[in-house]
Amino acid sequence: MCWAQAPTIKPPTTNNQPLNPTTLAVVLANKPERFTQEEWLHMMEKPVHRSLYPLFVTQAMLDTLDATQLDRRFQYQIERTQGR
């Protein structure tokens, strides 16, 4: 499949503001397998779903992402890594 044939996905928004790349990466990393990417992004546009599905971040994510850029309208929880 070439890029021209890829399905277009509406950019996710919260309160009509597009998600920044940092928040989008965390939102997609937390997508449950039972949802498609499009369904998950559509759900996370609604404040009620943002409160029902807190986003988990790991230390590895915090080491590679700028946590100050995370959208404050979402809930985040630090997830401890196994084996430590």
PDB file of N, CA and C in Angstrom:
ATOM      1  N   MET A   1       0.849  -1.172   0.000  1.00  0.00           N
ATOM      2  CA  MET A   1       0.000   0.000   0.000  1.00  0.00           C
ATOM      3  C   MET A   1       0.895   1.237   0.000  1.00  0.00           C
ATOM      4  N   CYS A   2       0.658   2.116  -0.910  1.00  0.00           N
ATOM      5  CA  CYS A   2       1.461   3.338  -0.944  1.00  0.00           C
ATOM      6  C   CYS A   2       0.760   4.425  -0.133  1.00  0.00           C
ATOM      7  N   TRP A   3       1.483   5.479   0.130  1.00  0.00           N
ATOM      8  CA  TRP A   3       0.940   6.551   0.964  1.00  0.00           C
ATOM      9  C   TRP A   3      -0.324   7.163   0.391  1.00  0.00           C
ATOM     10  N   ALA A   4      -0.411   7.237  -0.923  1.00  0.00           N
ATOM     11  CA  ALA A   4      -1.584   7.854  -1.546  1.00  0.00           C
ATOM     12  C   ALA A   4      -2.842   7.043  -1.291  1.00  0.00           C
ATOM     13  N   GLN A   5      -2.693   5.729  -1.038  1.00  0.00           N
ATOM     14  CA  GLN A   5      -3.851   4.877  -0.827  1.00  0.00           C
ATOM     15  C   GLN A   5      -4.209   4.723   0.639  1.00  0.00           C
ATOM     16  N   ALA A   6      -3.379   5.207   1.526  1.00  0.00           N
ATOM     17  CA  ALA A   6      -3.634   5.051   2.955  1.00  0.00           C
ATOM     18  C   ALA A   6      -4.923   5.780   3.327  1.00  0.00           C
ATOM     19  N   PRO A   7      -5.739   5.163   4.182  1.00  0.00           N
ATOM     20  CA  PRO A   7      -6.985   5.837   4.588  1.00  0.00           C
ATOM     21  C   PRO A   7      -6.669   7.091   5.396  1.00  0.00           C
ATOM     22  N   THR A   8      -7.467   8.100   5.186  1.00  0.00           N
ATOM     23  CA  THR A   8      -7.258   9.332   5.938  1.00  0.00           C
ATOM     24  C   THR A   8      -7.987   9.230   7.264  1.00  0.00           C
ATOM     25  N   ILE A   9      -7.318   9.635   8.316  1.00  0.00           N
ATOM     26  CA  ILE A   9      -7.904   9.618   9.650  1.00  0.00           C
ATOM     27  C   ILE A   9      -8.028  11.059  10.107  1.00  0.00           C
ATOM     28  N   LYS A  10      -9.216  11.401  10.564  1.00  0.00           N
ATOM     29  CA  LYS A  10      -9.449  12.751  11.063  1.00  0.00           C
ATOM     30  C   LYS A  10      -8.498  13.020  12.223  1.00  0.00           C
ATOM     31  N   PRO A  11      -7.771  14.138  12.210  1.00  0.00           N
ATOM     32  CA  PRO A  11      -6.861  14.428  13.321  1.00  0.00           C
ATOM     33  C   PRO A  11      -7.622  14.505  14.634  1.00  0.00           C
ATOM     34  N   PRO A  12      -7.137  13.821  15.666  1.00  0.00           N
ATOM     35  CA  PRO A  12      -7.843  13.856  16.948  1.00  0.00           C
ATOM     36  C   PRO A  12      -7.793  15.245  17.559  1.00  0.00           C
ATOM     37  N   THR A  13      -8.861  15.585  18.255  1.00  0.00           N
ATOM     38  CA  THR A  13      -8.935  16.897  18.890  1.00  0.00           C
ATOM     39  C   THR A  13      -9.476  16.750  20.294  1.00  0.00           C
ATOM     40  N   THR A  14      -9.207  17.736  21.112  1.00  0.00           N
ATOM     41  CA  THR A  14      -9.875  17.871  22.397  1.00  0.00           C
ATOM     42  C   THR A  14     -10.337  19.310  22.461  1.00  0.00           C
ATOM     43  N   ASN A  15     -11.624  19.482  22.649  1.00  0.00           N
ATOM     44  CA  ASN A  15     -12.222  20.827  22.658  1.00  0.00           C
ATOM     45  C   ASN A  15     -11.851  21.599  21.396  1.00  0.00           C
ATOM     46  N   ASN A  16     -11.909  20.904  20.252  1.00  0.00           N
ATOM     47  CA  ASN A  16     -11.609  21.487  18.942  1.00  0.00           C
ATOM     48  C   ASN A  16     -10.169  21.950  18.797  1.00  0.00           C
ATOM     49  N   GLN A  17      -9.281  21.470  19.635  1.00  0.00           N
ATOM     50  CA  GLN A  17      -7.854  21.759  19.506  1.00  0.00           C
ATOM     51  C   GLN A  17      -7.152  20.448  19.182  1.00  0.00           C
ATOM     52  N   PRO A  18      -6.327  20.424  18.128  1.00  0.00           N
ATOM     53  CA  PRO A  18      -5.653  19.167  17.780  1.00  0.00           C
ATOM     54  C   PRO A  18      -4.676  18.743  18.875  1.00  0.00           C
ATOM     55  N   LEU A  19      -4.520  17.424  19.013  1.00  0.00           N
ATOM     56  CA  LEU A  19      -3.556  16.901  19.977  1.00  0.00           C
ATOM     57  C   LEU A  19      -2.150  17.128  19.451  1.00  0.00           C
ATOM     58  N   ASN A  20      -1.251  17.459  20.353  1.00  0.00           N
ATOM     59  CA  ASN A  20       0.134  17.622  19.931  1.00  0.00           C
ATOM     60  C   ASN A  20       0.753  16.230  19.755  1.00  0.00           C
ATOM     61  N   PRO A  21       1.873  16.125  19.062  1.00  0.00           N
ATOM     62  CA  PRO A  21       2.473  14.809  18.783  1.00  0.00           C
ATOM     63  C   PRO A  21       2.839  14.016  20.039  1.00  0.00           C
ATOM     64  N   THR A  22       3.238  14.678  21.103  1.00  0.00           N
ATOM     65  CA  THR A  22       3.606  13.982  22.332  1.00  0.00           C
ATOM     66  C   THR A  22       2.385  13.302  22.949  1.00  0.00           C
ATOM     67  N   THR A  23       1.301  14.037  23.081  1.00  0.00           N
ATOM     68  CA  THR A  23       0.076  13.478  23.642  1.00  0.00           C
ATOM     69  C   THR A  23      -0.486  12.395  22.732  1.00  0.00           C
ATOM     70  N   LEU A  24      -0.451  12.623  21.436  1.00  0.00           N
ATOM     71  CA  LEU A  24      -0.949  11.631  20.490  1.00  0.00           C
ATOM     72  C   LEU A  24      -0.182  10.315  20.620  1.00  0.00           C
ATOM     73  N   ALA A  25       1.128  10.377  20.797  1.00  0.00           N
ATOM     74  CA  ALA A  25       1.937   9.166  20.956  1.00  0.00           C
ATOM     75  C   ALA A  25       1.519   8.389  22.197  1.00  0.00           C
ATOM     76  N   VAL A  26       1.262   9.087  23.298  1.00  0.00           N
ATOM     77  CA  VAL A  26       0.854   8.417  24.533  1.00  0.00           C
ATOM     78  C   VAL A  26      -0.558   7.855  24.392  1.00  0.00           C
ATOM     79  N   VAL A  27      -1.447   8.597  23.780  1.00  0.00           N
ATOM     80  CA  VAL A  27      -2.817   8.113  23.576  1.00  0.00           C
ATOM     81  C   VAL A  27      -2.796   6.832  22.745  1.00  0.00           C
ATOM     82  N   LEU A  28      -2.033   6.814  21.670  1.00  0.00           N
ATOM     83  CA  LEU A  28      -1.987   5.631  20.812  1.00  0.00           C
ATOM     84  C   LEU A  28      -1.278   4.468  21.491  1.00  0.00           C
ATOM     85  N   ALA A  29      -0.296   4.743  22.316  1.00  0.00           N
ATOM     86  CA  ALA A  29       0.390   3.667  23.047  1.00  0.00           C
ATOM     87  C   ALA A  29      -0.544   2.997  24.049  1.00  0.00           C
ATOM     88  N   ASN A  30      -1.581   3.690  24.464  1.00  0.00           N
ATOM     89  CA  ASN A  30      -2.533   3.156  25.437  1.00  0.00           C
ATOM     90  C   ASN A  30      -3.782   2.556  24.797  1.00  0.00           C
ATOM     91  N   LYS A  31      -3.821   2.487  23.485  1.00  0.00           N
ATOM     92  CA  LYS A  31      -5.011   1.983  22.784  1.00  0.00           C
ATOM     93  C   LYS A  31      -5.215   0.507  23.089  1.00  0.00           C
ATOM     94  N   PRO A  32      -6.380   0.137  23.620  1.00  0.00           N
ATOM     95  CA  PRO A  32      -6.680  -1.286  23.824  1.00  0.00           C
ATOM     96  C   PRO A  32      -6.795  -2.008  22.475  1.00  0.00           C
ATOM     97  N   GLU A  33      -6.459  -3.269  22.458  1.00  0.00           N
ATOM     98  CA  GLU A  33      -6.485  -4.043  21.220  1.00  0.00           C
ATOM     99  C   GLU A  33      -7.875  -4.149  20.611  1.00  0.00           C
ATOM    100  N   ARG A  34      -8.905  -4.078  21.443  1.00  0.00           N
ATOM    101  CA  ARG A  34     -10.270  -4.266  20.936  1.00  0.00           C
ATOM    102  C   ARG A  34     -10.782  -3.081  20.122  1.00  0.00           C
ATOM    103  N   PHE A  35     -10.085  -1.950  20.170  1.00  0.00           N
ATOM    104  CA  PHE A  35     -10.495  -0.764  19.415  1.00  0.00           C
ATOM    105  C   PHE A  35      -9.570  -0.549  18.224  1.00  0.00           C
ATOM    106  N   THR A  36     -10.129  -0.031  17.144  1.00  0.00           N
ATOM    107  CA  THR A  36      -9.283   0.421  16.040  1.00  0.00           C
ATOM    108  C   THR A  36      -8.705   1.778  16.435  1.00  0.00           C
ATOM    109  N   GLN A  37      -7.695   2.202  15.721  1.00  0.00           N
ATOM    110  CA  GLN A  37      -7.093   3.498  16.020  1.00  0.00           C
ATOM    111  C   GLN A  37      -8.117   4.608  15.877  1.00  0.00           C
ATOM    112  N   GLU A  38      -8.915   4.531  14.838  1.00  0.00           N
ATOM    113  CA  GLU A  38      -9.926   5.559  14.600  1.00  0.00           C
ATOM    114  C   GLU A  38     -10.973   5.595  15.730  1.00  0.00           C
ATOM    115  N   GLU A  39     -11.435   4.418  16.169  1.00  0.00           N
ATOM    116  CA  GLU A  39     -12.409   4.347  17.259  1.00  0.00           C
ATOM    117  C   GLU A  39     -11.821   4.921  18.553  1.00  0.00           C
ATOM    118  N   TRP A  40     -10.596   4.545  18.857  1.00  0.00           N
ATOM    119  CA  TRP A  40      -9.943   4.993  20.082  1.00  0.00           C
ATOM    120  C   TRP A  40      -9.779   6.513  20.091  1.00  0.00           C
ATOM    121  N   LEU A  41      -9.304   7.068  18.995  1.00  0.00           N
ATOM    122  CA  LEU A  41      -9.114   8.522  18.933  1.00  0.00           C
ATOM    123  C   LEU A  41     -10.452   9.244  19.031  1.00  0.00           C
ATOM    124  N   HIS A  42     -11.484   8.696  18.398  1.00  0.00           N
ATOM    125  CA  HIS A  42     -12.816   9.304  18.474  1.00  0.00           C
ATOM    126  C   HIS A  42     -13.334   9.276  19.914  1.00  0.00           C
ATOM    127  N   MET A  43     -13.133   8.141  20.595  1.00  0.00           N
ATOM    128  CA  MET A  43     -13.570   8.033  22.000  1.00  0.00           C
ATOM    129  C   MET A  43     -12.836   9.027  22.888  1.00  0.00           C
ATOM    130  N   MET A  44     -11.540   9.161  22.695  1.00  0.00           N
ATOM    131  CA  MET A  44     -10.732   9.997  23.572  1.00  0.00           C
ATOM    132  C   MET A  44     -10.965  11.492  23.342  1.00  0.00           C
ATOM    133  N   GLU A  45     -11.736  11.832  22.332  1.00  0.00           N
ATOM    134  CA  GLU A  45     -12.112  13.233  22.138  1.00  0.00           C
ATOM    135  C   GLU A  45     -13.097  13.684  23.217  1.00  0.00           C
ATOM    136  N   LYS A  46     -13.824  12.743  23.789  1.00  0.00           N
ATOM    137  CA  LYS A  46     -14.870  13.075  24.768  1.00  0.00           C
ATOM    138  C   LYS A  46     -14.300  13.075  26.191  1.00  0.00           C
ATOM    139  N   PRO A  47     -14.577  14.134  26.950  1.00  0.00           N
ATOM    140  CA  PRO A  47     -14.051  14.220  28.323  1.00  0.00           C
ATOM    141  C   PRO A  47     -14.444  13.036  29.204  1.00  0.00           C
ATOM    142  N   VAL A  48     -15.632  12.478  29.030  1.00  0.00           N
ATOM    143  CA  VAL A  48     -16.045  11.358  29.871  1.00  0.00           C
ATOM    144  C   VAL A  48     -15.124  10.161  29.661  1.00  0.00           C
ATOM    145  N   HIS A  49     -14.711   9.909  28.448  1.00  0.00           N
ATOM    146  CA  HIS A  49     -13.809   8.793  28.183  1.00  0.00           C
ATOM    147  C   HIS A  49     -12.393   9.079  28.681  1.00  0.00           C
ATOM    148  N   ARG A  50     -11.996  10.331  28.639  1.00  0.00           N
ATOM    149  CA  ARG A  50     -10.662  10.672  29.160  1.00  0.00           C
ATOM    150  C   ARG A  50     -10.598  10.424  30.662  1.00  0.00           C
ATOM    151  N   SER A  51     -11.730  10.521  31.350  1.00  0.00           N
ATOM    152  CA  SER A  51     -11.718  10.245  32.789  1.00  0.00           C
ATOM    153  C   SER A  51     -11.850   8.744  33.063  1.00  0.00           C
ATOM    154  N   LEU A  52     -12.501   7.998  32.169  1.00  0.00           N
ATOM    155  CA  LEU A  52     -12.659   6.561  32.353  1.00  0.00           C
ATOM    156  C   LEU A  52     -11.398   5.780  31.982  1.00  0.00           C
ATOM    157  N   TYR A  53     -10.614   6.315  31.073  1.00  0.00           N
ATOM    158  CA  TYR A  53      -9.415   5.631  30.587  1.00  0.00           C
ATOM    159  C   TYR A  53      -8.175   6.483  30.871  1.00  0.00           C
ATOM    160  N   PRO A  54      -7.613   6.383  32.066  1.00  0.00           N
ATOM    161  CA  PRO A  54      -6.375   7.133  32.323  1.00  0.00           C
ATOM    162  C   PRO A  54      -5.259   6.580  31.445  1.00  0.00           C
ATOM    163  N   LEU A  55      -4.353   7.439  31.028  1.00  0.00           N
ATOM    164  CA  LEU A  55      -3.250   7.027  30.169  1.00  0.00           C
ATOM    165  C   LEU A  55      -2.051   6.649  31.030  1.00  0.00           C
ATOM    166  N   PHE A  56      -1.505   5.484  30.769  1.00  0.00           N
ATOM    167  CA  PHE A  56      -0.355   5.009  31.525  1.00  0.00           C
ATOM    168  C   PHE A  56       0.923   5.418  30.811  1.00  0.00           C
ATOM    169  N   VAL A  57       1.869   5.934  31.571  1.00  0.00           N
ATOM    170  CA  VAL A  57       3.178   6.280  31.030  1.00  0.00           C
ATOM    171  C   VAL A  57       4.230   5.524  31.830  1.00  0.00           C
ATOM    172  N   THR A  58       5.264   5.094  31.150  1.00  0.00           N
ATOM    173  CA  THR A  58       6.360   4.377  31.800  1.00  0.00           C
ATOM    174  C   THR A  58       7.557   5.310  31.918  1.00  0.00           C
ATOM    175  N   GLN A  59       8.538   4.892  32.689  1.00  0.00           N
ATOM    176  CA  GLN A  59       9.748   5.688  32.808  1.00  0.00           C
ATOM    177  C   GLN A  59      10.442   5.820  31.452  1.00  0.00           C
ATOM    178  N   ALA A  60      10.391   4.761  30.652  1.00  0.00           N
ATOM    179  CA  ALA A  60      10.996   4.819  29.320  1.00  0.00           C
ATOM    180  C   ALA A  60      10.328   5.888  28.456  1.00  0.00           C
ATOM    181  N   MET A  61       9.008   6.005  28.569  1.00  0.00           N
ATOM    182  CA  MET A  61       8.302   7.053  27.828  1.00  0.00           C
ATOM    183  C   MET A  61       8.753   8.427  28.302  1.00  0.00           C
ATOM    184  N   LEU A  62       8.854   8.591  29.615  1.00  0.00           N
ATOM    185  CA  LEU A  62       9.254   9.884  30.163  1.00  0.00           C
ATOM    186  C   LEU A  62      10.695  10.229  29.795  1.00  0.00           C
ATOM    187  N   ASP A  63      11.527   9.200  29.589  1.00  0.00           N
ATOM    188  CA  ASP A  63      12.910   9.440  29.183  1.00  0.00           C
ATOM    189  C   ASP A  63      13.004   9.900  27.736  1.00  0.00           C
ATOM    190  N   THR A  64      12.010   9.545  26.912  1.00  0.00           N
ATOM    191  CA  THR A  64      12.083   9.875  25.491  1.00  0.00           C
ATOM    192  C   THR A  64      11.124  10.982  25.071  1.00  0.00           C
ATOM    193  N   LEU A  65      10.107  11.242  25.864  1.00  0.00           N
ATOM    194  CA  LEU A  65       9.136  12.287  25.533  1.00  0.00           C
ATOM    195  C   LEU A  65       9.294  13.470  26.480  1.00  0.00           C
ATOM    196  N   ASP A  66       8.915  14.631  26.020  1.00  0.00           N
ATOM    197  CA  ASP A  66       8.920  15.819  26.864  1.00  0.00           C
ATOM    198  C   ASP A  66       7.596  15.865  27.623  1.00  0.00           C
ATOM    199  N   ALA A  67       7.630  15.469  28.885  1.00  0.00           N
ATOM    200  CA  ALA A  67       6.405  15.377  29.689  1.00  0.00           C
ATOM    201  C   ALA A  67       5.704  16.719  29.841  1.00  0.00           C
ATOM    202  N   THR A  68       6.416  17.824  29.697  1.00  0.00           N
ATOM    203  CA  THR A  68       5.772  19.133  29.818  1.00  0.00           C
ATOM    204  C   THR A  68       4.837  19.405  28.642  1.00  0.00           C
ATOM    205  N   GLN A  69       4.964  18.619  27.572  1.00  0.00           N
ATOM    206  CA  GLN A  69       4.120  18.809  26.394  1.00  0.00           C
ATOM    207  C   GLN A  69       2.835  17.991  26.436  1.00  0.00           C
ATOM    208  N   LEU A  70       2.668  17.155  27.468  1.00  0.00           N
ATOM    209  CA  LEU A  70       1.461  16.332  27.555  1.00  0.00           C
ATOM    210  C   LEU A  70       0.239  17.201  27.833  1.00  0.00           C
ATOM    211  N   ASP A  71      -0.822  16.918  27.144  1.00  0.00           N
ATOM    212  CA  ASP A  71      -2.079  17.655  27.266  1.00  0.00           C
ATOM    213  C   ASP A  71      -2.650  17.441  28.668  1.00  0.00           C
ATOM    214  N   ARG A  72      -2.921  18.491  29.386  1.00  0.00           N
ATOM    215  CA  ARG A  72      -3.378  18.413  30.773  1.00  0.00           C
ATOM    216  C   ARG A  72      -4.841  18.023  30.913  1.00  0.00           C
ATOM    217  N   ARG A  73      -5.534  17.904  29.812  1.00  0.00           N
ATOM    218  CA  ARG A  73      -6.930  17.485  29.883  1.00  0.00           C
ATOM    219  C   ARG A  73      -7.072  15.972  30.028  1.00  0.00           C
ATOM    220  N   PHE A  74      -5.976  15.251  29.888  1.00  0.00           N
ATOM    221  CA  PHE A  74      -5.978  13.806  30.079  1.00  0.00           C
ATOM    222  C   PHE A  74      -5.448  13.479  31.460  1.00  0.00           C
ATOM    223  N   GLN A  75      -5.795  12.286  31.939  1.00  0.00           N
ATOM    224  CA  GLN A  75      -5.267  11.790  33.208  1.00  0.00           C
ATOM    225  C   GLN A  75      -4.110  10.845  32.892  1.00  0.00           C
ATOM    226  N   TYR A  76      -3.022  10.982  33.631  1.00  0.00           N
ATOM    227  CA  TYR A  76      -1.854  10.136  33.417  1.00  0.00           C
ATOM    228  C   TYR A  76      -1.518   9.410  34.710  1.00  0.00           C
ATOM    229  N   GLN A  77      -1.076   8.166  34.553  1.00  0.00           N
ATOM    230  CA  GLN A  77      -0.619   7.391  35.696  1.00  0.00           C
ATOM    231  C   GLN A  77       0.733   6.783  35.351  1.00  0.00           C
ATOM    232  N   ILE A  78       1.659   6.861  36.306  1.00  0.00           N
ATOM    233  CA  ILE A  78       2.963   6.248  36.110  1.00  0.00           C
ATOM    234  C   ILE A  78       2.812   4.747  36.281  1.00  0.00           C
ATOM    235  N   GLU A  79       3.309   4.011  35.318  1.00  0.00           N
ATOM    236  CA  GLU A  79       3.258   2.545  35.369  1.00  0.00           C
ATOM    237  C   GLU A  79       4.661   2.032  35.712  1.00  0.00           C
ATOM    238  N   ARG A  80       4.730   1.301  36.779  1.00  0.00           N
ATOM    239  CA  ARG A  80       6.021   0.735  37.166  1.00  0.00           C
ATOM    240  C   ARG A  80       6.362  -0.434  36.276  1.00  0.00           C
ATOM    241  N   THR A  81       7.652  -0.544  35.953  1.00  0.00           N
ATOM    242  CA  THR A  81       8.100  -1.660  35.128  1.00  0.00           C
ATOM    243  C   THR A  81       8.299  -2.894  35.992  1.00  0.00           C
ATOM    244  N   GLN A  82       8.086  -4.051  35.436  1.00  0.00           N
ATOM    245  CA  GLN A  82       8.207  -5.311  36.159  1.00  0.00           C
ATOM    246  C   GLN A  82       9.675  -5.655  36.378  1.00  0.00           C
ATOM    247  N   GLY A  83       9.962  -6.366  37.451  1.00  0.00           N
ATOM    248  CA  GLY A  83      11.295  -6.880  37.679  1.00  0.00           C
ATOM    249  C   GLY A  83      12.250  -5.960  38.410  1.00  0.00           C
ATOM    250  N   ARG A  84      11.793  -4.871  38.957  1.00  0.00           N
ATOM    251  CA  ARG A  84      12.685  -3.959  39.673  1.00  0.00           C
ATOM    252  C   ARG A  84      12.375  -3.939  41.125  1.00  0.00           C
TER     253      ARG A  84
END
